[in-house]
Amino acid sequence: MPFPDPARRYPITLPDGTDHKGSVFLNRVIDHPRFQAGDFSYASDFDPPEDWCARLAPYLFDFSKETLRIGRICQIAHGVRFITASANHAMDGLTTFPFPAFDLENRAGYQPDTRDTVIGHDVWIGYGALILPGSRIGSGTIIGAGSVVRGEVPPYSLVTGNPANIVKSRFEPSRIAALMELEWWHWPAEQIAVAEPAPLKGDLDRLKAMAPER
């Protein structure tokens, strides 16, 4: 089965031959100095915006000190929001009111929280999930619909709830270690296309056998 062309803005073709405008490869539609997305990572929205960065990460500005980094082959459902560090207020004083933000002379460089938000590879973020500042989500993780996620999430976790909890690991530790070692999401696109039945069917042995030489 052919792998989608990573250069396409709209990776899904409808039965009538037209592009499905509600799903986009992120690195084809976002040009922002603080937002990075790997090949084949897509987002979907029932009301496709003109500015996908502003829709997904409304507090990420050109002058922000943090970055939002999303790996390869991630899937982001409608309503997902990344609340990045620029949204946070200082909490170590007697007030959380951001006085410097309203003062042009003192605003420059003022950002109490500068943590990056990092999403691994092959992560599925479900409908309406909220990813909070500084989150680091491991590869292969599934984030359930409506979850509110913060902190560190190990690879291949199943996460749900508000606040989000790790319900379980998707696989046993040895299987997770093998998948993290393979890093199949970094393989050339044509090799992933050939190997596609293996990850879809959960055939780890076949996937190992098809790994490129290092």
Foldseek 3Di string as FASTA:
>chain_A
DADFDQLDQARDADPVRHGDLQKGFVVNQDDAPQEEEEGQEMEGEPDDDNHPCCQAEVQDDNLALEHEYYYFNEYHYYQEHEDEQQPAFDDPDPDRDPVQCVPPVSVPPDGNGHAYAAHEYHEYEDANEYEYYNEHEAALEYEYHNEDEYHYHYHQFYWYDVPIDGPGHNDDPVLRVLCVVLVVSPDPSVLCVVQVVCVVVVPSVSSVVSRDDD
